[in-house]
Amino acid sequence: EREAAEINDRIQALGRAYETTLDDAASGTIEIGNAIHAILDPYGRKGAPLELRGNGARVPFSVVSIVGLVLHELAANATKYGAWASDTGSVTVDWNSPEPDETLVIEWRERGGPAIDPDAVAAGTGSAIVDRILRTASGTIERKWNPEGFEAIVSIPLRG
């Protein structure tokens, strides 16, 4: 039952991402910040401290699925194990793409959460899904378990 709920959550995250970008998709590119806001806003509305910052990067519409699944998994882990598992925790998400057709970089930073066991989080199904989907897009994720909180840097090459 828990697995079914987690799959449903993933599908809903993708739906939110697509819903906000459909009008923009006809041009072939989207402002990725709109999708990021749609994916993560439900967490902010639940009272989880969330700061979203970005540079207005436009990316191919095909990147929405990748970003949606990756950010949903990071948010789910923050809720279960990380910053949002604590009353004092917060998450900051920053994104940028310096030039069209280069690389979209998303930085995820958690602060104020409990101590994290990197082995428990890295070995989870969600982490495996993130690794696989990024690999199919020639993307990467760098995970860091720092004393002040978990950080991830996601890089997704953009193809014009």
N, C-alpha and C. Protein backbone atom coordinates (compact mmCIF):
# COMPACT_ATOMS: atom_id res chain seq x y z
N GLU A 1 0.82 -1.20 0.00
CA GLU A 1 0.00 0.00 0.00
C GLU A 1 0.87 1.26 0.00
N ARG A 2 1.96 1.24 0.78
CA ARG A 2 2.87 2.39 0.82
C ARG A 2 3.52 2.62 -0.54
N GLU A 3 3.91 1.52 -1.20
CA GLU A 3 4.54 1.64 -2.52
C GLU A 3 3.57 2.23 -3.54
N ALA A 4 2.31 1.82 -3.47
CA ALA A 4 1.30 2.36 -4.39
C ALA A 4 1.13 3.86 -4.16
N ALA A 5 1.14 4.28 -2.90
CA ALA A 5 1.01 5.71 -2.59
C ALA A 5 2.22 6.49 -3.12
N GLU A 6 3.41 5.90 -3.00
CA GLU A 6 4.61 6.57 -3.50
C GLU A 6 4.58 6.71 -5.02
N ILE A 7 4.12 5.68 -5.71
CA ILE A 7 3.99 5.75 -7.17
C ILE A 7 2.97 6.81 -7.55
N ASN A 8 1.86 6.85 -6.84
CA ASN A 8 0.83 7.86 -7.09
C ASN A 8 1.39 9.27 -6.88
N ASP A 9 2.19 9.46 -5.84
CA ASP A 9 2.81 10.76 -5.59
C ASP A 9 3.71 11.17 -6.75
N ARG A 10 4.47 10.22 -7.30
CA ARG A 10 5.34 10.52 -8.43
C ARG A 10 4.52 10.96 -9.64
N ILE A 11 3.44 10.27 -9.91
CA ILE A 11 2.58 10.61 -11.05
C ILE A 11 1.97 11.99 -10.85
N GLN A 12 1.53 12.30 -9.64
CA GLN A 12 0.95 13.61 -9.37
C GLN A 12 1.98 14.73 -9.54
N ALA A 13 3.22 14.48 -9.13
CA ALA A 13 4.27 15.48 -9.30
C ALA A 13 4.49 15.78 -10.78
N LEU A 14 4.51 14.74 -11.60
CA LEU A 14 4.66 14.95 -13.04
C LEU A 14 3.48 15.71 -13.61
N GLY A 15 2.29 15.35 -13.16
CA GLY A 15 1.09 16.04 -13.62
C GLY A 15 1.13 17.53 -13.33
N ARG A 16 1.56 17.89 -12.11
CA ARG A 16 1.66 19.31 -11.74
C ARG A 16 2.67 20.03 -12.63
N ALA A 17 3.79 19.35 -12.91
CA ALA A 17 4.82 19.97 -13.74
C ALA A 17 4.31 20.21 -15.15
N TYR A 18 3.64 19.22 -15.72
CA TYR A 18 3.12 19.37 -17.09
C TYR A 18 2.00 20.40 -17.16
N GLU A 19 1.14 20.40 -16.17
CA GLU A 19 -0.02 21.30 -16.19
C GLU A 19 0.40 22.77 -16.31
N THR A 20 1.43 23.15 -15.60
CA THR A 20 1.84 24.55 -15.60
C THR A 20 2.65 24.94 -16.82
N THR A 21 3.11 23.97 -17.59
CA THR A 21 3.98 24.29 -18.72
C THR A 21 3.35 24.04 -20.08
N LEU A 22 2.15 23.52 -20.13
CA LEU A 22 1.54 23.17 -21.42
C LEU A 22 1.37 24.36 -22.34
N ASP A 23 0.94 25.49 -21.83
CA ASP A 23 0.75 26.67 -22.69
C ASP A 23 2.07 27.11 -23.32
N ASP A 24 3.13 26.97 -22.57
CA ASP A 24 4.46 27.39 -23.02
C ASP A 24 5.10 26.36 -23.96
N ALA A 25 4.66 25.11 -23.90
CA ALA A 25 5.32 24.01 -24.59
C ALA A 25 5.26 24.12 -26.11
N ALA A 26 4.28 24.82 -26.64
CA ALA A 26 4.15 24.93 -28.10
C ALA A 26 5.40 25.54 -28.73
N SER A 27 6.11 26.36 -27.98
CA SER A 27 7.33 26.98 -28.50
C SER A 27 8.51 26.00 -28.50
N GLY A 28 8.34 24.84 -27.85
CA GLY A 28 9.43 23.86 -27.78
C GLY A 28 10.29 23.99 -26.55
N THR A 29 10.20 25.14 -25.87
CA THR A 29 10.95 25.33 -24.63
C THR A 29 10.01 25.87 -23.56
N ILE A 30 10.42 25.69 -22.31
CA ILE A 30 9.63 26.19 -21.19
C ILE A 30 10.55 26.91 -20.21
N GLU A 31 9.97 27.78 -19.41
CA GLU A 31 10.71 28.40 -18.32
C GLU A 31 10.67 27.40 -17.17
N ILE A 32 11.78 26.77 -16.88
CA ILE A 32 11.82 25.64 -15.95
C ILE A 32 11.38 26.04 -14.55
N GLY A 33 11.52 27.29 -14.19
CA GLY A 33 11.08 27.74 -12.87
C GLY A 33 9.60 27.50 -12.64
N ASN A 34 8.77 27.63 -13.68
CA ASN A 34 7.34 27.38 -13.54
C ASN A 34 7.09 25.93 -13.12
N ALA A 35 7.80 25.00 -13.75
CA ALA A 35 7.65 23.59 -13.40
C ALA A 35 8.16 23.31 -11.99
N ILE A 36 9.30 23.89 -11.64
CA ILE A 36 9.87 23.68 -10.31
C ILE A 36 8.90 24.18 -9.23
N HIS A 37 8.34 25.35 -9.44
CA HIS A 37 7.35 25.88 -8.49
C HIS A 37 6.17 24.92 -8.36
N ALA A 38 5.65 24.44 -9.48
CA ALA A 38 4.49 23.55 -9.45
C ALA A 38 4.79 22.25 -8.72
N ILE A 39 5.97 21.71 -8.91
CA ILE A 39 6.35 20.45 -8.28
C ILE A 39 6.50 20.61 -6.77
N LEU A 40 7.12 21.72 -6.34
CA LEU A 40 7.48 21.87 -4.92
C LEU A 40 6.51 22.71 -4.11
N ASP A 41 5.65 23.50 -4.75
CA ASP A 41 4.70 24.33 -3.99
C ASP A 41 3.85 23.54 -3.00
N PRO A 42 3.38 22.34 -3.33
CA PRO A 42 2.58 21.61 -2.33
C PRO A 42 3.33 21.37 -1.01
N TYR A 43 4.65 21.22 -1.08
CA TYR A 43 5.42 21.04 0.15
C TYR A 43 5.46 22.34 0.94
N GLY A 44 5.62 23.47 0.26
CA GLY A 44 5.62 24.77 0.93
C GLY A 44 4.28 25.07 1.58
N ARG A 45 3.19 24.66 0.93
CA ARG A 45 1.86 24.92 1.49
C ARG A 45 1.60 24.08 2.73
N LYS A 46 2.33 22.99 2.89
CA LYS A 46 2.16 22.16 4.09
C LYS A 46 2.95 22.73 5.26
N GLY A 47 3.51 23.92 5.09
CA GLY A 47 4.23 24.56 6.18
C GLY A 47 5.72 24.31 6.16
N ALA A 48 6.22 23.57 5.18
CA ALA A 48 7.64 23.29 5.11
C ALA A 48 8.36 24.52 4.57
N PRO A 49 9.34 25.06 5.31
CA PRO A 49 10.07 26.22 4.81
C PRO A 49 10.80 25.89 3.50
N LEU A 50 10.47 26.66 2.46
CA LEU A 50 10.98 26.39 1.12
C LEU A 50 11.30 27.71 0.44
N GLU A 51 12.52 27.82 -0.06
CA GLU A 51 12.93 29.01 -0.82
C GLU A 51 13.31 28.56 -2.22
N LEU A 52 12.67 29.16 -3.23
CA LEU A 52 12.94 28.83 -4.63
C LEU A 52 13.58 30.03 -5.31
N ARG A 53 14.75 29.79 -5.92
CA ARG A 53 15.47 30.86 -6.62
C ARG A 53 15.95 30.32 -7.96
N GLY A 54 15.92 31.15 -8.97
CA GLY A 54 16.40 30.71 -10.27
C GLY A 54 16.56 31.86 -11.22
N ASN A 55 17.12 31.56 -12.39
CA ASN A 55 17.45 32.63 -13.33
C ASN A 55 16.53 32.73 -14.54
N GLY A 56 15.39 32.06 -14.53
CA GLY A 56 14.49 32.13 -15.68
C GLY A 56 14.93 31.29 -16.86
N ALA A 57 15.74 30.28 -16.59
CA ALA A 57 16.27 29.43 -17.67
C ALA A 57 15.15 28.78 -18.47
N ARG A 58 15.31 28.80 -19.78
CA ARG A 58 14.38 28.10 -20.68
C ARG A 58 15.05 26.79 -21.09
N VAL A 59 14.27 25.73 -21.05
CA VAL A 59 14.81 24.40 -21.36
C VAL A 59 13.84 23.69 -22.30
N PRO A 60 14.32 22.65 -23.00
CA PRO A 60 13.41 21.87 -23.83
C PRO A 60 12.30 21.26 -22.99
N PHE A 61 11.11 21.17 -23.56
CA PHE A 61 9.96 20.62 -22.85
C PHE A 61 10.24 19.21 -22.33
N SER A 62 11.06 18.45 -23.04
CA SER A 62 11.36 17.07 -22.65
C SER A 62 12.04 16.96 -21.29
N VAL A 63 12.60 18.05 -20.79
CA VAL A 63 13.31 18.04 -19.51
C VAL A 63 12.33 18.02 -18.32
N VAL A 64 11.07 18.38 -18.56
CA VAL A 64 10.09 18.48 -17.47
C VAL A 64 9.96 17.17 -16.70
N SER A 65 9.87 16.04 -17.40
CA SER A 65 9.72 14.74 -16.72
C SER A 65 10.90 14.45 -15.80
N ILE A 66 12.09 14.71 -16.29
CA ILE A 66 13.29 14.44 -15.51
C ILE A 66 13.30 15.31 -14.26
N VAL A 67 13.10 16.60 -14.44
CA VAL A 67 13.11 17.53 -13.30
C VAL A 67 12.00 17.17 -12.32
N GLY A 68 10.82 16.84 -12.83
CA GLY A 68 9.70 16.48 -11.96
C GLY A 68 9.99 15.30 -11.07
N LEU A 69 10.51 14.22 -11.66
CA LEU A 69 10.80 13.03 -10.86
C LEU A 69 11.94 13.27 -9.88
N VAL A 70 12.99 13.93 -10.33
CA VAL A 70 14.14 14.17 -9.45
C VAL A 70 13.74 15.03 -8.25
N LEU A 71 13.05 16.14 -8.50
CA LEU A 71 12.68 17.03 -7.39
C LEU A 71 11.66 16.38 -6.46
N HIS A 72 10.75 15.60 -7.02
CA HIS A 72 9.80 14.90 -6.16
C HIS A 72 10.53 13.95 -5.22
N GLU A 73 11.49 13.20 -5.75
CA GLU A 73 12.23 12.26 -4.89
C GLU A 73 13.04 12.99 -3.82
N LEU A 74 13.67 14.10 -4.19
CA LEU A 74 14.42 14.87 -3.18
C LEU A 74 13.47 15.40 -2.11
N ALA A 75 12.31 15.89 -2.52
CA ALA A 75 11.33 16.40 -1.56
C ALA A 75 10.79 15.29 -0.66
N ALA A 76 10.52 14.13 -1.25
CA ALA A 76 10.03 13.00 -0.45
C ALA A 76 11.07 12.58 0.58
N ASN A 77 12.35 12.53 0.18
CA ASN A 77 13.40 12.18 1.13
C ASN A 77 13.58 13.25 2.20
N ALA A 78 13.43 14.52 1.83
CA ALA A 78 13.52 15.60 2.83
C ALA A 78 12.41 15.47 3.86
N THR A 79 11.24 15.01 3.42
CA THR A 79 10.10 14.84 4.32
C THR A 79 10.31 13.65 5.24
N LYS A 80 10.86 12.56 4.70
CA LYS A 80 11.04 11.34 5.50
C LYS A 80 12.27 11.39 6.39
N TYR A 81 13.41 11.86 5.83
CA TYR A 81 14.69 11.74 6.52
C TYR A 81 15.42 13.05 6.77
N GLY A 82 15.11 14.07 6.01
CA GLY A 82 15.93 15.27 5.99
C GLY A 82 15.33 16.47 6.68
N ALA A 83 15.55 17.63 6.09
CA ALA A 83 15.20 18.91 6.71
C ALA A 83 13.73 19.00 7.08
N TRP A 84 12.85 18.49 6.24
CA TRP A 84 11.42 18.60 6.53
C TRP A 84 10.93 17.55 7.52
N ALA A 85 11.82 16.68 7.98
CA ALA A 85 11.48 15.74 9.05
C ALA A 85 11.67 16.40 10.41
N SER A 86 12.16 17.64 10.40
CA SER A 86 12.42 18.40 11.62
C SER A 86 11.59 19.68 11.60
N ASP A 87 11.20 20.14 12.77
CA ASP A 87 10.43 21.39 12.86
C ASP A 87 11.25 22.61 12.46
N THR A 88 12.57 22.50 12.52
CA THR A 88 13.43 23.65 12.23
C THR A 88 14.09 23.58 10.86
N GLY A 89 13.78 22.56 10.08
CA GLY A 89 14.45 22.37 8.80
C GLY A 89 13.90 23.24 7.68
N SER A 90 14.76 23.51 6.71
CA SER A 90 14.35 24.29 5.54
C SER A 90 15.08 23.77 4.30
N VAL A 91 14.51 24.08 3.14
CA VAL A 91 15.09 23.67 1.86
C VAL A 91 15.18 24.89 0.95
N THR A 92 16.31 25.02 0.27
CA THR A 92 16.50 26.05 -0.75
C THR A 92 16.81 25.34 -2.06
N VAL A 93 16.13 25.77 -3.13
CA VAL A 93 16.37 25.21 -4.46
C VAL A 93 16.73 26.36 -5.38
N ASP A 94 17.86 26.22 -6.04
CA ASP A 94 18.33 27.23 -6.98
C ASP A 94 18.60 26.54 -8.31
N TRP A 95 18.30 27.22 -9.41
CA TRP A 95 18.54 26.62 -10.72
C TRP A 95 19.07 27.67 -11.68
N ASN A 96 19.86 27.20 -12.64
CA ASN A 96 20.35 28.10 -13.68
C ASN A 96 20.83 27.30 -14.87
N SER A 97 20.84 27.96 -15.97
CA SER A 97 21.41 27.43 -17.20
C SER A 97 22.13 28.61 -17.84
N PRO A 98 23.46 28.61 -17.80
CA PRO A 98 24.19 29.79 -18.24
C PRO A 98 23.96 30.17 -19.70
N GLU A 99 23.85 29.21 -20.56
CA GLU A 99 23.66 29.46 -21.99
C GLU A 99 22.64 28.47 -22.53
N PRO A 100 21.86 28.88 -23.55
CA PRO A 100 20.93 27.92 -24.17
C PRO A 100 21.71 26.70 -24.68
N ASP A 101 21.09 25.57 -24.60
CA ASP A 101 21.65 24.30 -25.09
C ASP A 101 22.89 23.84 -24.32
N GLU A 102 23.15 24.39 -23.15
CA GLU A 102 24.27 23.89 -22.36
C GLU A 102 23.75 22.92 -21.30
N THR A 103 23.85 23.28 -20.03
CA THR A 103 23.47 22.37 -18.95
C THR A 103 22.61 23.09 -17.94
N LEU A 104 21.49 22.47 -17.59
CA LEU A 104 20.65 22.97 -16.50
C LEU A 104 21.24 22.44 -15.20
N VAL A 105 21.48 23.33 -14.25
CA VAL A 105 22.01 22.95 -12.94
C VAL A 105 20.99 23.32 -11.88
N ILE A 106 20.60 22.34 -11.07
CA ILE A 106 19.67 22.56 -9.97
C ILE A 106 20.41 22.22 -8.68
N GLU A 107 20.45 23.17 -7.76
CA GLU A 107 21.09 22.96 -6.46
C GLU A 107 20.01 22.86 -5.38
N TRP A 108 20.06 21.78 -4.63
CA TRP A 108 19.11 21.49 -3.54
C TRP A 108 19.89 21.53 -2.25
N ARG A 109 19.49 22.41 -1.31
CA ARG A 109 20.20 22.52 -0.03
C ARG A 109 19.22 22.42 1.13
N GLU A 110 19.50 21.49 2.03
CA GLU A 110 18.70 21.32 3.24
C GLU A 110 19.49 21.83 4.44
N ARG A 111 18.78 22.47 5.35
CA ARG A 111 19.39 22.96 6.59
C ARG A 111 18.46 22.67 7.76
N GLY A 112 19.06 22.35 8.91
CA GLY A 112 18.28 22.22 10.13
C GLY A 112 17.58 20.90 10.34
N GLY A 113 17.91 19.91 9.55
CA GLY A 113 17.27 18.60 9.72
C GLY A 113 18.06 17.70 10.64
N PRO A 114 17.56 16.48 10.85
CA PRO A 114 18.28 15.53 11.69
C PRO A 114 19.53 15.01 10.97
N ALA A 115 20.41 14.38 11.73
CA ALA A 115 21.57 13.74 11.12
C ALA A 115 21.08 12.66 10.16
N ILE A 116 21.71 12.56 9.02
CA ILE A 116 21.26 11.65 7.97
C ILE A 116 22.25 10.50 7.83
N ASP A 117 21.71 9.29 7.67
CA ASP A 117 22.53 8.12 7.35
C ASP A 117 22.60 8.02 5.83
N PRO A 118 23.73 8.41 5.22
CA PRO A 118 23.83 8.41 3.76
C PRO A 118 23.53 7.05 3.13
N ASP A 119 23.91 5.97 3.80
CA ASP A 119 23.68 4.64 3.23
C ASP A 119 22.19 4.32 3.14
N ALA A 120 21.42 4.72 4.13
CA ALA A 120 19.98 4.44 4.13
C ALA A 120 19.28 5.19 3.00
N VAL A 121 19.65 6.44 2.80
CA VAL A 121 19.00 7.26 1.78
C VAL A 121 19.46 6.85 0.39
N ALA A 122 20.76 6.67 0.21
CA ALA A 122 21.30 6.36 -1.11
C ALA A 122 20.84 5.00 -1.62
N ALA A 123 20.51 4.10 -0.71
CA ALA A 123 20.13 2.74 -1.12
C ALA A 123 18.64 2.61 -1.42
N GLY A 124 17.87 3.68 -1.27
CA GLY A 124 16.43 3.61 -1.45
C GLY A 124 16.00 3.51 -2.90
N THR A 125 14.76 3.10 -3.09
CA THR A 125 14.18 2.98 -4.43
C THR A 125 14.16 4.32 -5.13
N GLY A 126 13.79 5.38 -4.42
CA GLY A 126 13.74 6.71 -5.02
C GLY A 126 15.09 7.16 -5.56
N SER A 127 16.15 6.90 -4.80
CA SER A 127 17.49 7.27 -5.26
C SER A 127 17.88 6.49 -6.51
N ALA A 128 17.50 5.22 -6.55
CA ALA A 128 17.78 4.41 -7.74
C ALA A 128 17.03 4.94 -8.95
N ILE A 129 15.78 5.36 -8.76
CA ILE A 129 15.00 5.94 -9.86
C ILE A 129 15.66 7.22 -10.36
N VAL A 130 16.08 8.09 -9.44
CA VAL A 130 16.74 9.34 -9.81
C VAL A 130 18.01 9.04 -10.61
N ASP A 131 18.82 8.12 -10.12
CA ASP A 131 20.07 7.79 -10.82
C ASP A 131 19.79 7.28 -12.23
N ARG A 132 18.79 6.40 -12.37
CA ARG A 132 18.47 5.84 -13.69
C ARG A 132 17.96 6.89 -14.66
N ILE A 133 17.01 7.71 -14.21
CA ILE A 133 16.44 8.71 -15.12
C ILE A 133 17.49 9.73 -15.54
N LEU A 134 18.36 10.11 -14.63
CA LEU A 134 19.41 11.05 -15.00
C LEU A 134 20.41 10.41 -15.96
N ARG A 135 20.71 9.16 -15.75
CA ARG A 135 21.63 8.45 -16.65
C ARG A 135 21.08 8.42 -18.08
N THR A 136 19.76 8.21 -18.23
CA THR A 136 19.17 8.17 -19.58
C THR A 136 19.27 9.52 -20.27
N ALA A 137 19.38 10.59 -19.52
CA ALA A 137 19.49 11.94 -20.09
C ALA A 137 20.94 12.44 -20.08
N SER A 138 21.89 11.55 -19.79
CA SER A 138 23.31 11.91 -19.66
C SER A 138 23.52 12.93 -18.54
N GLY A 139 22.62 12.94 -17.57
CA GLY A 139 22.71 13.85 -16.44
C GLY A 139 23.41 13.21 -15.25
N THR A 140 23.65 14.02 -14.24
CA THR A 140 24.31 13.53 -13.03
C THR A 140 23.67 14.14 -11.79
N ILE A 141 23.89 13.48 -10.67
CA ILE A 141 23.53 14.04 -9.38
C ILE A 141 24.71 13.80 -8.44
N GLU A 142 25.10 14.86 -7.77
CA GLU A 142 26.15 14.78 -6.76
C GLU A 142 25.49 14.99 -5.41
N ARG A 143 25.55 13.97 -4.56
CA ARG A 143 24.94 14.04 -3.23
C ARG A 143 26.02 14.29 -2.18
N LYS A 144 25.73 15.22 -1.27
CA LYS A 144 26.67 15.53 -0.19
C LYS A 144 25.91 15.53 1.13
N TRP A 145 26.40 14.76 2.08
CA TRP A 145 25.81 14.74 3.42
C TRP A 145 26.72 15.54 4.34
N ASN A 146 26.49 16.84 4.38
CA ASN A 146 27.30 17.75 5.19
C ASN A 146 26.73 17.84 6.60
N PRO A 147 27.54 18.27 7.58
CA PRO A 147 27.03 18.42 8.94
C PRO A 147 25.83 19.38 9.02
N GLU A 148 25.81 20.42 8.18
CA GLU A 148 24.71 21.38 8.22
C GLU A 148 23.49 20.92 7.44
N GLY A 149 23.63 19.86 6.65
CA GLY A 149 22.47 19.33 5.93
C GLY A 149 22.83 18.73 4.59
N PHE A 150 21.88 18.00 4.05
CA PHE A 150 22.04 17.33 2.76
C PHE A 150 22.05 18.35 1.62
N GLU A 151 22.89 18.09 0.63
CA GLU A 151 22.91 18.92 -0.58
C GLU A 151 22.99 18.01 -1.79
N ALA A 152 22.36 18.44 -2.87
CA ALA A 152 22.45 17.72 -4.13
C ALA A 152 22.62 18.73 -5.25
N ILE A 153 23.49 18.40 -6.18
CA ILE A 153 23.66 19.21 -7.38
C ILE A 153 23.29 18.32 -8.56
N VAL A 154 22.23 18.71 -9.26
CA VAL A 154 21.72 17.95 -10.40
C VAL A 154 22.13 18.70 -11.66
N SER A 155 22.74 17.99 -12.60
CA SER A 155 23.14 18.59 -13.88
C SER A 155 22.48 17.81 -15.00
N ILE A 156 21.78 18.53 -15.88
CA ILE A 156 21.09 17.90 -17.00
C ILE A 156 21.51 18.61 -18.28
N PRO A 157 22.25 17.92 -19.16
CA PRO A 157 22.62 18.54 -20.43
C PRO A 157 21.37 18.86 -21.25
N LEU A 158 21.38 20.01 -21.89
CA LEU A 158 20.24 20.43 -22.72
C LEU A 158 20.63 20.29 -24.18
N ARG A 159 19.74 19.70 -24.92
CA ARG A 159 19.99 19.53 -26.35
C ARG A 159 18.94 20.34 -27.09
N GLY A 160 19.39 21.17 -28.02
CA GLY A 160 18.49 22.06 -28.74
C GLY A 160 17.55 21.43 -29.69
